[in-house]
Amino acid sequence: MSSGHMGGYRNVALFGVDSRDNSLGKGTRSDTIIIASINETTKEVKLVSVYRDTYLNLGNDSYGKANAAYAQGGPLQAINMLNMNLDLNITDYVTVNFDSLADIIDEMGGVTIDVTDEERFQINAYLRRGESLKEIGMVKLNGPQAVSYSRIRKIDSDSMRASRQREVLAALFDKALEINPLSYPSYVRKFSPMVETSLSNDEMLKIATA
């Protein structure tokens, strides 16, 4: 069993960073920390959040909020933190900043999310660019709106914030299933400059088409 594969699962760390200069390395905190666990038999993907304010060993025998590990040592230290505290053996990661994630969601045609009126107000408050959201209920969010939805933190709890992040990612994965497999290579080439990852284009394509 190769490194990063545990009991028939491949675990990949997903980091979302709030960098405004397109920097995806150390020096910026990881606002989003999610472990994507891929069942290598059924190809089902489960998403598990690690709350950014969780007090953990940061991978270097110092302790602090989980999101500080990425700021101190980039993705490698953040992965080491996850492995050390959760007894995992993750080796692969994907990092994206909020602006790039918005662009990726737009390229995929947006995501459909059930939005309350209170959430709509917060989406518009966090919106970095583009049109404000005017509808509630099951609505299609464009990239900036979806990112704003995933950043909501004032109306409930960090648990709900993490749940919204997983909801956006799950909706994005569902959109990916609608793509003609013959188009996967072009999407991988298009998205690869928008992220920092340990995965090669061939590896990402293998995961997408498995």
Protein backbone atom coordinates (compact mmCIF):
# COMPACT_ATOMS: atom_id res chain seq x y z
CA MET A 1 0.00 0.00 0.00
CA SER A 2 1.58 3.25 -1.10
CA SER A 3 2.03 6.30 1.07
CA GLY A 4 -1.14 8.33 1.43
CA HIS A 5 -3.36 5.28 0.76
CA MET A 6 -4.94 3.84 3.90
CA GLY A 7 -7.27 0.86 3.92
CA GLY A 8 -8.43 1.36 0.33
CA TYR A 9 -8.73 5.13 0.69
CA ARG A 10 -6.61 7.90 -0.77
CA ASN A 11 -6.54 10.98 1.44
CA VAL A 12 -5.78 14.40 -0.02
CA ALA A 13 -5.51 17.59 2.04
CA LEU A 14 -7.44 20.56 0.65
CA PHE A 15 -6.41 24.03 1.80
CA GLY A 16 -8.18 27.31 1.13
CA VAL A 17 -6.06 30.37 1.87
CA ASP A 18 -7.09 34.00 2.12
CA SER A 19 -4.25 35.48 0.08
CA ARG A 20 -4.89 38.58 -2.00
CA ASP A 21 -1.62 38.50 -3.95
CA ASN A 22 -2.04 34.98 -5.42
CA SER A 23 0.53 33.62 -2.97
CA LEU A 24 -0.29 30.02 -2.04
CA GLY A 25 2.77 29.28 0.08
CA LYS A 26 3.69 29.94 3.68
CA GLY A 27 2.91 33.31 5.17
CA THR A 28 -0.83 33.00 4.69
CA ARG A 29 -3.20 31.16 7.02
CA SER A 30 -5.40 28.33 5.80
CA ASP A 31 -8.96 29.50 6.39
CA THR A 32 -10.21 26.16 5.07
CA ILE A 33 -8.74 22.76 5.99
CA ILE A 34 -10.53 19.74 4.55
CA ILE A 35 -9.45 16.14 4.10
CA ALA A 36 -10.90 14.54 0.97
CA SER A 37 -11.01 10.78 1.48
CA ILE A 38 -11.43 8.92 -1.81
CA ASN A 39 -12.68 5.32 -1.73
CA GLU A 40 -10.48 3.66 -4.34
CA THR A 41 -13.07 0.94 -4.99
CA THR A 42 -16.33 2.90 -5.18
CA LYS A 43 -14.71 6.29 -6.00
CA GLU A 44 -16.98 7.90 -3.38
CA VAL A 45 -15.47 11.04 -1.85
CA LYS A 46 -16.02 11.96 1.79
CA LEU A 47 -15.07 15.43 3.06
CA VAL A 48 -13.93 15.98 6.65
CA SER A 49 -13.25 19.45 8.03
CA VAL A 50 -10.60 20.44 10.54
CA TYR A 51 -11.74 23.65 12.19
CA ARG A 52 -9.22 26.41 11.65
CA ASP A 53 -9.25 27.48 15.33
CA THR A 54 -8.63 23.95 16.68
CA TYR A 55 -5.70 24.01 19.11
CA LEU A 56 -3.21 21.43 17.81
CA ASN A 57 0.42 20.47 17.61
CA LEU A 58 1.41 22.47 14.53
CA GLY A 59 3.67 19.74 13.23
CA ASN A 60 6.81 21.08 14.90
CA ASP A 61 6.04 20.45 18.59
CA SER A 62 4.65 23.94 19.06
CA TYR A 63 0.95 24.44 19.69
CA GLY A 64 -1.54 26.91 18.29
CA LYS A 65 -4.56 27.29 16.04
CA ALA A 66 -4.59 24.79 13.20
CA ASN A 67 -4.62 27.47 10.50
CA ALA A 68 -1.24 28.77 11.71
CA ALA A 69 0.64 25.68 10.50
CA TYR A 70 0.22 26.68 6.86
CA ALA A 71 1.39 30.23 7.61
CA GLN A 72 4.51 28.91 9.36
CA GLY A 73 5.61 26.25 6.92
CA GLY A 74 3.27 26.11 3.96
CA PRO A 75 1.45 22.96 2.84
CA LEU A 76 4.16 20.56 4.00
CA GLN A 77 3.94 21.69 7.62
CA ALA A 78 0.13 21.79 7.42
CA ILE A 79 0.12 18.18 6.16
CA ASN A 80 2.56 17.19 8.91
CA MET A 81 0.17 18.76 11.44
CA LEU A 82 -2.72 16.68 10.12
CA ASN A 83 -0.70 13.47 10.07
CA MET A 84 0.70 14.02 13.56
CA ASN A 85 -2.59 14.87 15.25
CA LEU A 86 -4.93 12.56 13.33
CA ASP A 87 -2.61 9.57 12.84
CA LEU A 88 -2.82 9.81 9.07
CA ASN A 89 -0.28 9.43 6.28
CA ILE A 90 -1.29 12.14 3.84
CA THR A 91 1.25 13.11 1.20
CA ASP A 92 -0.86 14.96 -1.38
CA TYR A 93 -2.49 18.36 -1.19
CA VAL A 94 -4.32 20.96 -3.24
CA THR A 95 -4.26 24.64 -2.27
CA VAL A 96 -6.43 27.36 -3.75
CA ASN A 97 -7.08 30.95 -2.76
CA PHE A 98 -10.55 32.42 -2.69
CA ASP A 99 -10.24 34.33 -5.96
CA SER A 100 -9.02 31.24 -7.85
CA LEU A 101 -11.78 29.12 -6.34
CA ALA A 102 -14.33 31.66 -7.56
CA ASP A 103 -12.84 31.45 -11.06
CA ILE A 104 -12.98 27.64 -11.00
CA ILE A 105 -16.63 27.66 -9.90
CA ASP A 106 -17.46 30.11 -12.67
CA GLU A 107 -15.71 27.89 -15.23
CA MET A 108 -17.89 25.00 -14.01
CA GLY A 109 -21.07 27.04 -14.45
CA GLY A 110 -21.77 27.86 -10.81
CA VAL A 111 -23.19 25.70 -8.01
CA THR A 112 -26.75 25.32 -6.73
CA ILE A 113 -27.14 25.91 -2.99
CA ASP A 114 -30.14 26.29 -0.66
CA VAL A 115 -29.71 29.83 0.71
CA THR A 116 -31.66 31.46 3.55
CA ASP A 117 -32.42 35.16 3.64
CA GLU A 118 -29.94 35.61 6.49
CA GLU A 119 -27.26 33.84 4.47
CA ARG A 120 -28.08 35.96 1.42
CA PHE A 121 -27.39 39.10 3.45
CA GLN A 122 -24.03 37.69 4.61
CA ILE A 123 -23.10 36.57 1.07
CA ASN A 124 -23.52 40.13 -0.12
CA ALA A 125 -21.55 41.46 2.86
CA TYR A 126 -18.55 39.23 2.03
CA LEU A 127 -18.81 39.58 -1.75
CA ARG A 128 -15.49 40.65 -3.27
CA ARG A 129 -16.70 41.30 -6.79
CA GLY A 130 -19.63 40.85 -9.13
CA GLU A 131 -23.38 41.03 -8.69
CA SER A 132 -25.08 40.84 -5.31
CA LEU A 133 -27.44 37.93 -4.66
CA LYS A 134 -31.13 38.83 -4.77
CA GLU A 135 -32.82 35.43 -4.45
CA ILE A 136 -33.19 32.86 -1.68
CA GLY A 137 -34.03 29.15 -1.68
CA MET A 138 -32.38 26.79 -4.17
CA VAL A 139 -30.38 29.25 -6.25
CA LYS A 140 -27.39 29.00 -8.56
CA LEU A 141 -24.46 30.89 -7.09
CA ASN A 142 -21.68 32.19 -9.30
CA GLY A 143 -18.06 31.88 -8.18
CA PRO A 144 -17.74 34.98 -5.99
CA GLN A 145 -21.16 34.35 -4.42
CA ALA A 146 -20.29 30.72 -3.64
CA VAL A 147 -16.99 31.75 -2.04
CA SER A 148 -18.81 34.38 0.03
CA TYR A 149 -21.31 31.71 1.12
CA SER A 150 -18.45 29.48 2.28
CA ARG A 151 -16.95 32.33 4.33
CA ILE A 152 -20.06 33.15 6.39
CA ARG A 153 -19.10 33.11 10.06
CA LYS A 154 -21.19 35.66 11.98
CA ILE A 155 -24.68 34.16 12.05
CA ASP A 156 -23.98 30.77 13.66
CA SER A 157 -20.87 28.68 14.36
CA ASP A 158 -17.55 27.57 12.92
CA SER A 159 -19.13 24.13 12.55
CA MET A 160 -21.78 25.59 10.24
CA ARG A 161 -19.12 27.55 8.35
CA ALA A 162 -17.18 24.34 7.72
CA SER A 163 -20.43 22.65 6.68
CA ARG A 164 -21.03 25.36 4.08
CA GLN A 165 -17.51 24.89 2.73
CA ARG A 166 -18.11 21.16 2.31
CA GLU A 167 -21.48 21.87 0.70
CA VAL A 168 -19.87 24.11 -1.93
CA LEU A 169 -17.15 21.54 -2.66
CA ALA A 170 -19.67 18.70 -2.87
CA ALA A 171 -21.77 20.75 -5.31
CA LEU A 172 -18.64 21.46 -7.35
CA PHE A 173 -17.78 17.74 -7.45
CA ASP A 174 -21.33 17.00 -8.60
CA LYS A 175 -20.87 19.50 -11.43
CA ALA A 176 -17.67 17.71 -12.42
CA LEU A 177 -19.63 14.49 -12.85
CA GLU A 178 -21.72 16.21 -15.53
CA ILE A 179 -18.67 16.91 -17.70
CA ASN A 180 -18.00 14.73 -20.73
CA PRO A 181 -14.96 12.62 -19.74
CA LEU A 182 -13.36 13.52 -23.05
CA SER A 183 -13.20 17.12 -21.81
CA TYR A 184 -11.36 16.25 -18.57
CA PRO A 185 -7.85 16.85 -19.96
CA SER A 186 -8.73 20.38 -21.08
CA TYR A 187 -10.24 21.19 -17.69
CA VAL A 188 -7.18 19.84 -15.85
CA ARG A 189 -4.90 21.99 -18.02
CA LYS A 190 -7.14 25.00 -17.48
CA PHE A 191 -7.33 24.66 -13.69
CA SER A 192 -3.75 23.60 -12.94
CA PRO A 193 -2.36 27.18 -13.06
CA MET A 194 -5.04 28.25 -10.54
CA VAL A 195 -3.91 25.88 -7.78
CA GLU A 196 -0.78 24.71 -6.03
CA THR A 197 -0.68 20.95 -5.67
CA SER A 198 1.59 17.97 -5.17
CA LEU A 199 -0.39 16.13 -7.85
CA SER A 200 0.77 16.10 -11.45
CA ASN A 201 -1.70 16.79 -14.24
CA ASP A 202 -1.65 13.06 -15.05
CA GLU A 203 -2.45 12.17 -11.43
CA MET A 204 -5.31 14.67 -11.30
CA LEU A 205 -6.66 13.30 -14.56
CA LYS A 206 -6.43 9.74 -13.20
CA ILE A 207 -8.42 10.74 -10.10
CA ALA A 208 -11.01 12.56 -12.20
CA THR A 209 -11.56 9.69 -14.61
CA ALA A 210 -11.32 6.78 -12.16
